């Protein structure tokens, strides 16, 4: 999977990871992939809702240690 942009939001709590992702996606073109790494346990649920509300695709979610990884595809 080719990631076009990666955001490190470790240490930030809701809503900051979502706000930073929204800003990054706005600067991207349709079809590009954004990877967001977060330490906020609630981010999994938050990114599901964000994708549903904005029409961007949530391509993948995973956890590795204390990190929660979200991959979004720009609509």
N, C-alpha and C. Protein backbone atom coordinates (compact mmCIF):
# COMPACT_ATOMS: atom_id res chain seq x y z
N UNK A 1 0.85 -1.18 0.00
CA UNK A 1 0.00 0.00 0.00
C UNK A 1 0.90 1.24 0.00
N UNK A 2 0.62 2.13 -0.92
CA UNK A 2 1.41 3.37 -1.03
C UNK A 2 0.75 4.47 -0.20
N UNK A 3 1.43 4.90 0.84
CA UNK A 3 0.93 5.98 1.70
C UNK A 3 1.46 7.31 1.14
N UNK A 4 0.55 8.24 0.88
CA UNK A 4 0.95 9.54 0.32
C UNK A 4 1.39 10.53 1.40
N UNK A 5 0.80 10.42 2.58
CA UNK A 5 1.15 11.33 3.67
C UNK A 5 0.95 10.60 4.99
N UNK A 6 1.83 10.88 5.95
CA UNK A 6 1.71 10.27 7.27
C UNK A 6 1.68 11.34 8.35
N UNK A 7 0.77 11.17 9.30
CA UNK A 7 0.64 12.10 10.43
C UNK A 7 0.95 11.36 11.72
N UNK A 8 1.80 11.93 12.55
CA UNK A 8 2.09 11.37 13.86
C UNK A 8 1.35 12.22 14.89
N UNK A 9 0.28 11.67 15.44
CA UNK A 9 -0.50 12.40 16.44
C UNK A 9 -0.36 11.75 17.82
N UNK A 10 0.74 11.03 18.03
CA UNK A 10 0.96 10.38 19.33
C UNK A 10 0.98 11.44 20.43
N UNK A 11 0.32 11.12 21.53
CA UNK A 11 0.29 12.03 22.67
C UNK A 11 -0.86 13.02 22.62
N UNK A 12 -1.54 13.11 21.49
CA UNK A 12 -2.67 14.03 21.36
C UNK A 12 -3.98 13.29 21.60
N UNK A 13 -4.90 13.93 22.29
CA UNK A 13 -6.20 13.33 22.55
C UNK A 13 -7.27 13.98 21.68
N UNK A 14 -8.38 13.28 21.57
CA UNK A 14 -9.53 13.76 20.81
C UNK A 14 -9.89 15.18 21.24
N UNK A 15 -10.14 16.07 20.33
CA UNK A 15 -10.37 15.85 18.89
C UNK A 15 -9.15 16.17 18.03
N UNK A 16 -7.98 16.40 18.61
CA UNK A 16 -6.82 16.84 17.83
C UNK A 16 -6.40 15.88 16.71
N UNK A 17 -6.33 14.55 16.91
CA UNK A 17 -5.98 13.69 15.76
C UNK A 17 -6.94 13.84 14.59
N UNK A 18 -8.25 13.97 14.89
CA UNK A 18 -9.25 14.13 13.83
C UNK A 18 -9.06 15.47 13.12
N UNK A 19 -8.85 16.54 13.89
CA UNK A 19 -8.68 17.87 13.30
C UNK A 19 -7.45 17.92 12.40
N UNK A 20 -6.35 17.31 12.85
CA UNK A 20 -5.13 17.29 12.04
C UNK A 20 -5.33 16.45 10.77
N UNK A 21 -6.06 15.35 10.89
CA UNK A 21 -6.35 14.51 9.73
C UNK A 21 -7.23 15.27 8.73
N UNK A 22 -8.22 15.98 9.24
CA UNK A 22 -9.12 16.75 8.37
C UNK A 22 -8.33 17.79 7.58
N UNK A 23 -7.42 18.48 8.24
CA UNK A 23 -6.59 19.50 7.58
C UNK A 23 -5.68 18.86 6.53
N UNK A 24 -5.07 17.73 6.87
CA UNK A 24 -4.18 17.04 5.93
C UNK A 24 -4.95 16.55 4.71
N UNK A 25 -6.14 15.97 4.92
CA UNK A 25 -6.94 15.47 3.81
C UNK A 25 -7.37 16.60 2.88
N UNK A 26 -7.63 17.77 3.43
CA UNK A 26 -8.06 18.91 2.62
C UNK A 26 -6.97 19.33 1.63
N UNK A 27 -5.72 19.07 1.97
CA UNK A 27 -4.60 19.44 1.10
C UNK A 27 -4.21 18.32 0.12
N UNK A 28 -4.92 17.19 0.20
CA UNK A 28 -4.59 16.04 -0.65
C UNK A 28 -5.58 15.95 -1.82
N UNK A 29 -5.21 15.16 -2.82
CA UNK A 29 -6.10 14.97 -3.97
C UNK A 29 -6.87 13.67 -3.82
N UNK A 30 -7.96 13.57 -4.54
CA UNK A 30 -8.83 12.40 -4.48
C UNK A 30 -8.04 11.11 -4.75
N UNK A 31 -8.27 10.12 -3.90
CA UNK A 31 -7.62 8.82 -4.06
C UNK A 31 -6.33 8.66 -3.28
N UNK A 32 -5.77 9.76 -2.77
CA UNK A 32 -4.53 9.65 -2.01
C UNK A 32 -4.80 9.06 -0.63
N UNK A 33 -3.77 8.42 -0.06
CA UNK A 33 -3.90 7.76 1.23
C UNK A 33 -3.17 8.53 2.33
N UNK A 34 -3.85 8.68 3.46
CA UNK A 34 -3.31 9.33 4.64
C UNK A 34 -3.23 8.31 5.76
N UNK A 35 -2.05 8.19 6.36
CA UNK A 35 -1.85 7.30 7.51
C UNK A 35 -1.73 8.16 8.76
N UNK A 36 -2.54 7.86 9.76
CA UNK A 36 -2.51 8.60 11.03
C UNK A 36 -2.13 7.62 12.14
N UNK A 37 -1.10 7.97 12.90
CA UNK A 37 -0.67 7.16 14.04
C UNK A 37 -1.05 7.92 15.30
N UNK A 38 -1.78 7.26 16.18
CA UNK A 38 -2.30 7.90 17.40
C UNK A 38 -2.06 7.00 18.60
N UNK A 39 -2.03 7.59 19.79
CA UNK A 39 -1.98 6.81 21.03
C UNK A 39 -3.29 6.92 21.79
N UNK A 40 -4.26 7.62 21.24
CA UNK A 40 -5.56 7.79 21.86
C UNK A 40 -6.42 6.55 21.59
N UNK A 41 -6.76 5.81 22.66
CA UNK A 41 -7.54 4.58 22.51
C UNK A 41 -8.89 4.83 21.86
N UNK A 42 -9.45 6.02 22.04
CA UNK A 42 -10.75 6.34 21.44
C UNK A 42 -10.66 6.69 19.97
N UNK A 43 -9.45 6.78 19.44
CA UNK A 43 -9.30 7.19 18.04
C UNK A 43 -9.88 6.17 17.06
N UNK A 44 -9.91 4.91 17.43
CA UNK A 44 -10.48 3.90 16.53
C UNK A 44 -11.94 4.23 16.24
N UNK A 45 -12.69 4.46 17.28
CA UNK A 45 -14.11 4.82 17.13
C UNK A 45 -14.27 6.19 16.45
N UNK A 46 -13.40 7.14 16.85
CA UNK A 46 -13.47 8.49 16.29
C UNK A 46 -13.25 8.50 14.78
N UNK A 47 -12.25 7.73 14.30
CA UNK A 47 -11.97 7.72 12.86
C UNK A 47 -13.05 6.99 12.07
N UNK A 48 -13.71 6.01 12.69
CA UNK A 48 -14.84 5.36 12.01
C UNK A 48 -15.95 6.38 11.77
N UNK A 49 -16.27 7.15 12.79
CA UNK A 49 -17.32 8.17 12.68
C UNK A 49 -16.90 9.27 11.71
N UNK A 50 -15.65 9.68 11.77
CA UNK A 50 -15.14 10.73 10.89
C UNK A 50 -15.27 10.31 9.42
N UNK A 51 -14.88 9.08 9.11
CA UNK A 51 -14.97 8.59 7.74
C UNK A 51 -16.42 8.55 7.27
N UNK A 52 -17.30 8.08 8.12
CA UNK A 52 -18.73 8.00 7.79
C UNK A 52 -19.29 9.39 7.52
N UNK A 53 -18.93 10.37 8.34
CA UNK A 53 -19.48 11.72 8.21
C UNK A 53 -18.91 12.50 7.03
N UNK A 54 -17.65 12.24 6.66
CA UNK A 54 -17.00 13.03 5.62
C UNK A 54 -17.01 12.37 4.25
N UNK A 55 -17.31 11.08 4.18
CA UNK A 55 -17.31 10.39 2.90
C UNK A 55 -15.94 9.88 2.47
N UNK A 56 -14.92 10.09 3.31
CA UNK A 56 -13.61 9.52 3.03
C UNK A 56 -13.65 8.04 3.43
N UNK A 57 -12.86 7.21 2.74
CA UNK A 57 -12.85 5.78 3.05
C UNK A 57 -11.84 5.47 4.15
N UNK A 58 -12.27 4.69 5.13
CA UNK A 58 -11.37 4.19 6.16
C UNK A 58 -10.87 2.85 5.63
N UNK A 59 -9.67 2.86 5.06
CA UNK A 59 -9.14 1.70 4.37
C UNK A 59 -8.67 0.62 5.34
N UNK A 60 -8.06 1.05 6.44
CA UNK A 60 -7.48 0.09 7.37
C UNK A 60 -7.34 0.70 8.76
N UNK A 61 -7.51 -0.14 9.78
CA UNK A 61 -7.23 0.25 11.16
C UNK A 61 -6.52 -0.91 11.82
N UNK A 62 -5.50 -0.59 12.62
CA UNK A 62 -4.79 -1.63 13.34
C UNK A 62 -4.17 -1.04 14.59
N UNK A 63 -3.69 -1.93 15.46
CA UNK A 63 -3.02 -1.50 16.68
C UNK A 63 -1.68 -2.21 16.76
N UNK A 64 -0.66 -1.46 17.18
CA UNK A 64 0.68 -2.02 17.34
C UNK A 64 1.26 -1.44 18.63
N UNK A 65 1.28 -2.26 19.68
CA UNK A 65 1.74 -1.75 20.97
C UNK A 65 0.76 -0.70 21.47
N UNK A 66 1.26 0.50 21.76
CA UNK A 66 0.41 1.60 22.22
C UNK A 66 -0.11 2.46 21.08
N UNK A 67 0.26 2.12 19.85
CA UNK A 67 -0.13 2.93 18.69
C UNK A 67 -1.38 2.37 18.01
N UNK A 68 -2.23 3.28 17.60
CA UNK A 68 -3.41 2.96 16.80
C UNK A 68 -3.19 3.58 15.43
N UNK A 69 -3.28 2.75 14.38
CA UNK A 69 -2.95 3.20 13.04
C UNK A 69 -4.23 3.21 12.19
N UNK A 70 -4.45 4.34 11.53
CA UNK A 70 -5.63 4.53 10.69
C UNK A 70 -5.17 4.96 9.30
N UNK A 71 -5.72 4.34 8.28
CA UNK A 71 -5.41 4.73 6.91
C UNK A 71 -6.71 5.18 6.25
N UNK A 72 -6.71 6.42 5.79
CA UNK A 72 -7.87 7.02 5.15
C UNK A 72 -7.58 7.29 3.69
N UNK A 73 -8.57 7.09 2.85
CA UNK A 73 -8.46 7.40 1.42
C UNK A 73 -9.30 8.64 1.14
N UNK A 74 -8.66 9.66 0.58
CA UNK A 74 -9.32 10.94 0.28
C UNK A 74 -10.42 10.71 -0.74
N UNK A 75 -11.59 11.23 -0.45
CA UNK A 75 -12.73 11.07 -1.37
C UNK A 75 -12.56 11.87 -2.64
